[in-house]
C-alpha atoms as a PDB file:
ATOM      1  CA  MET A   1       0.000   0.000   0.000  1.00  0.00           C
ATOM      2  CA  ASN A   2       2.047   2.913  -1.302  1.00  0.00           C
ATOM      3  CA  ARG A   3       0.696   6.348  -0.600  1.00  0.00           C
ATOM      4  CA  SER A   4       1.679   9.473  -2.415  1.00  0.00           C
ATOM      5  CA  ARG A   5       3.524  12.212  -0.571  1.00  0.00           C
ATOM      6  CA  ILE A   6       0.431  14.442  -0.779  1.00  0.00           C
ATOM      7  CA  GLU A   7      -1.769  11.769   0.809  1.00  0.00           C
ATOM      8  CA  VAL A   8       0.725  11.336   3.647  1.00  0.00           C
ATOM      9  CA  GLU A   9       0.946  15.109   4.186  1.00  0.00           C
ATOM     10  CA  ASN A  10      -2.847  15.358   4.203  1.00  0.00           C
ATOM     11  CA  MET A  11      -3.072  12.509   6.708  1.00  0.00           C
ATOM     12  CA  SER A  12      -0.513  14.246   8.934  1.00  0.00           C
ATOM     13  CA  ALA A  13      -2.475  17.483   8.774  1.00  0.00           C
ATOM     14  CA  TYR A  14      -5.662  15.580   9.620  1.00  0.00           C
ATOM     15  CA  HIS A  15      -4.092  13.969  12.678  1.00  0.00           C
ATOM     16  CA  GLN A  16      -2.647  17.274  13.841  1.00  0.00           C
ATOM     17  CA  ILE A  17      -6.128  18.776  13.792  1.00  0.00           C
ATOM     18  CA  GLN A  18      -7.467  15.887  15.880  1.00  0.00           C
ATOM     19  CA  ILE A  19      -4.936  16.290  18.703  1.00  0.00           C
ATOM     20  CA  PRO A  20      -5.990  18.895  21.263  1.00  0.00           C
ATOM     21  CA  LYS A  21      -3.369  21.603  21.824  1.00  0.00           C
ATOM     22  CA  ASN A  22      -3.585  21.228  25.582  1.00  0.00           C
ATOM     23  CA  PRO A  23      -5.430  18.009  26.331  1.00  0.00           C
ATOM     24  CA  VAL A  24      -5.257  18.468  30.119  1.00  0.00           C
ATOM     25  CA  ARG A  25      -8.495  19.675  31.662  1.00  0.00           C
ATOM     26  CA  ARG A  26      -7.677  19.151  35.354  1.00  0.00           C
ATOM     27  CA  ILE A  27      -4.639  18.169  37.408  1.00  0.00           C
ATOM     28  CA  ASN A  28      -4.935  17.153  41.030  1.00  0.00           C
ATOM     29  CA  VAL A  29      -2.010  16.161  43.245  1.00  0.00           C
ATOM     30  CA  PHE A  30      -2.782  14.541  46.590  1.00  0.00           C
ATOM     31  CA  TYR A  31      -1.558  11.811  48.886  1.00  0.00           C
ATOM     32  CA  SER A  32      -3.122   8.530  49.846  1.00  0.00           C
ATOM     33  CA  LEU A  33      -1.784   6.661  52.869  1.00  0.00           C
ATOM     34  CA  SER A  34      -2.291   3.323  51.144  1.00  0.00           C
ATOM     35  CA  GLU A  35      -0.720   4.310  47.808  1.00  0.00           C
ATOM     36  CA  GLY A  36       1.582   7.327  48.002  1.00  0.00           C
ATOM     37  CA  VAL A  37       1.494  10.606  46.107  1.00  0.00           C
ATOM     38  CA  VAL A  38      -1.170  10.540  43.405  1.00  0.00           C
ATOM     39  CA  VAL A  39      -1.159  12.723  40.300  1.00  0.00           C
ATOM     40  CA  ALA A  40      -4.678  12.504  38.865  1.00  0.00           C
ATOM     41  CA  VAL A  41      -5.363  14.120  35.510  1.00  0.00           C
ATOM     42  CA  ASP A  42      -8.407  14.462  33.275  1.00  0.00           C
ATOM     43  CA  ILE A  43      -7.146  14.330  29.685  1.00  0.00           C
ATOM     44  CA  GLU A  44      -9.235  15.017  26.608  1.00  0.00           C
ATOM     45  CA  SER A  45      -9.590  12.169  24.131  1.00  0.00           C
ATOM     46  CA  ARG A  46      -7.924  12.565  20.740  1.00  0.00           C
ATOM     47  CA  SER A  47     -10.600  10.621  18.924  1.00  0.00           C
ATOM     48  CA  ARG A  48     -13.801  11.714  20.683  1.00  0.00           C
ATOM     49  CA  LYS A  49     -14.321  15.387  21.313  1.00  0.00           C
ATOM     50  CA  GLY A  50     -15.546  16.210  24.800  1.00  0.00           C
ATOM     51  CA  LEU A  51     -14.618  12.830  26.294  1.00  0.00           C
ATOM     52  CA  LEU A  52     -12.205  12.976  29.225  1.00  0.00           C
ATOM     53  CA  HIS A  53     -10.031  10.101  30.392  1.00  0.00           C
ATOM     54  CA  TYR A  54      -9.173   9.844  34.086  1.00  0.00           C
ATOM     55  CA  THR A  55      -5.466   9.053  34.332  1.00  0.00           C
ATOM     56  CA  ARG A  56      -3.513   8.417  37.550  1.00  0.00           C
ATOM     57  CA  VAL A  57       0.191   8.107  38.215  1.00  0.00           C
ATOM     58  CA  ILE A  58       1.246   7.063  41.711  1.00  0.00           C
ATOM     59  CA  LEU A  59       4.647   7.955  43.143  1.00  0.00           C
ATOM     60  CA  ASP A  60       6.584   6.681  46.118  1.00  0.00           C
ATOM     61  CA  PRO A  61       6.764   9.640  48.552  1.00  0.00           C
ATOM     62  CA  ARG A  62      10.421   9.049  49.428  1.00  0.00           C
ATOM     63  CA  SER A  63      12.053   8.241  46.093  1.00  0.00           C
ATOM     64  CA  LYS A  64       9.492  10.005  43.826  1.00  0.00           C
ATOM     65  CA  ARG A  65       9.626   6.963  41.562  1.00  0.00           C
ATOM     66  CA  ILE A  66       6.493   5.827  39.757  1.00  0.00           C
ATOM     67  CA  THR A  67       5.012   2.781  41.478  1.00  0.00           C
ATOM     68  CA  ASN A  68       1.766   2.419  39.549  1.00  0.00           C
ATOM     69  CA  TYR A  69      -0.372   4.080  36.904  1.00  0.00           C
ATOM     70  CA  SER A  70      -3.769   3.663  35.287  1.00  0.00           C
ATOM     71  CA  CYS A  71      -6.129   5.181  32.750  1.00  0.00           C
ATOM     72  CA  ASP A  72      -9.771   4.506  31.962  1.00  0.00           C
ATOM     73  CA  CYS A  73      -9.301   4.646  28.167  1.00  0.00           C
ATOM     74  CA  GLU A  74      -9.749   1.629  25.907  1.00  0.00           C
ATOM     75  CA  GLY A  75      -6.075   1.545  24.965  1.00  0.00           C
ATOM     76  CA  PHE A  76      -4.973   1.117  28.559  1.00  0.00           C
ATOM     77  CA  THR A  77      -7.779  -1.326  29.291  1.00  0.00           C
ATOM     78  CA  PHE A  78      -6.683  -3.684  26.522  1.00  0.00           C
ATOM     79  CA  ARG A  79      -2.935  -3.017  26.147  1.00  0.00           C
ATOM     80  CA  ARG A  80      -1.963  -1.575  29.556  1.00  0.00           C
ATOM     81  CA  LYS A  81      -0.361   1.275  27.617  1.00  0.00           C
ATOM     82  CA  CYS A  82      -1.676   4.606  26.333  1.00  0.00           C
ATOM     83  CA  TRP A  83      -0.537   8.099  25.434  1.00  0.00           C
ATOM     84  CA  HIS A  84      -2.480   9.580  28.372  1.00  0.00           C
ATOM     85  CA  VAL A  85      -0.223   7.855  30.918  1.00  0.00           C
ATOM     86  CA  GLU A  86       2.893   8.844  28.977  1.00  0.00           C
ATOM     87  CA  TYR A  87       1.677  12.452  28.885  1.00  0.00           C
ATOM     88  CA  VAL A  88       1.167  12.485  32.664  1.00  0.00           C
ATOM     89  CA  LYS A  89       4.612  10.951  33.212  1.00  0.00           C
ATOM     90  CA  GLU A  90       6.105  13.831  31.209  1.00  0.00           C
ATOM     91  CA  THR A  91       3.947  16.369  33.061  1.00  0.00           C
ATOM     92  CA  ILE A  92       5.331  15.193  36.406  1.00  0.00           C
ATOM     93  CA  ASN A  93       8.736  16.592  35.453  1.00  0.00           C
ATOM     94  CA  ARG A  94       7.406  20.134  35.043  1.00  0.00           C
ATOM     95  CA  LYS A  95       8.486  22.479  37.809  1.00  0.00           C
ATOM     96  CA  GLU A  96       5.031  23.526  39.042  1.00  0.00           C
ATOM     97  CA  ILE A  97       3.780  19.931  39.218  1.00  0.00           C
ATOM     98  CA  ASN A  98       7.007  18.743  40.805  1.00  0.00           C
ATOM     99  CA  GLU A  99       6.616  21.382  43.546  1.00  0.00           C
ATOM    100  CA  ARG A 100       3.088  20.146  44.285  1.00  0.00           C
ATOM    101  CA  ILE A 101       4.363  16.563  44.413  1.00  0.00           C
ATOM    102  CA  GLU A 102       7.067  17.610  46.892  1.00  0.00           C
ATOM    103  CA  GLU A 103       4.475  19.314  49.122  1.00  0.00           C
ATOM    104  CA  GLU A 104       2.190  16.281  49.162  1.00  0.00           C
ATOM    105  CA  ALA A 105       5.092  13.887  49.736  1.00  0.00           C
ATOM    106  CA  LYS A 106       6.208  15.982  52.704  1.00  0.00           C
ATOM    107  CA  LYS A 107       2.688  15.883  54.195  1.00  0.00           C
ATOM    108  CA  LEU A 108       2.471  12.135  53.699  1.00  0.00           C
ATOM    109  CA  LEU A 109       5.862  11.477  55.282  1.00  0.00           C
ATOM    110  CA  GLU A 110       4.954  13.655  58.279  1.00  0.00           C
ATOM    111  CA  ILE A 111       1.754  11.671  58.794  1.00  0.00           C
ATOM    112  CA  GLU A 112       3.599   8.360  58.439  1.00  0.00           C
ATOM    113  CA  ASP A 113       6.190   9.483  61.016  1.00  0.00           C
ATOM    114  CA  GLU A 114       3.422  10.574  63.367  1.00  0.00           C
ATOM    115  CA  ILE A 115       1.677   7.213  63.015  1.00  0.00           C
ATOM    116  CA  ALA A 116       4.967   5.386  63.618  1.00  0.00           C
ATOM    117  CA  ASN A 117       5.438   7.319  66.878  1.00  0.00           C
ATOM    118  CA  TRP A 118       2.035   6.260  68.236  1.00  0.00           C
ATOM    119  CA  GLY A 119       3.052   2.771  69.136  1.00  0.00           C
END
């Protein structure tokens, strides 16, 4: 199936139109005692306008390493891999998000230390 250069360029232009410029609609950073620091993001679907996918990346509060992630899109459901999760992983490295992660990790570690001192 050989496509002409014009067809390929037109397909590229079509796909560029379909991708939202800023697909993130909401970012929430919080801690969960049972999981760690959670970065929860609502990301707009590329293929269905107006549909948001709930994507979570969970970090260890001490090392800031990713321990788990999930997304409610079909791609993640069937392949355990999607662009939404990759986008959130990249977003975590941004300064403003990283600062929020640090704040939540600090809160979580303080609570864990307090709980450890109870007994």
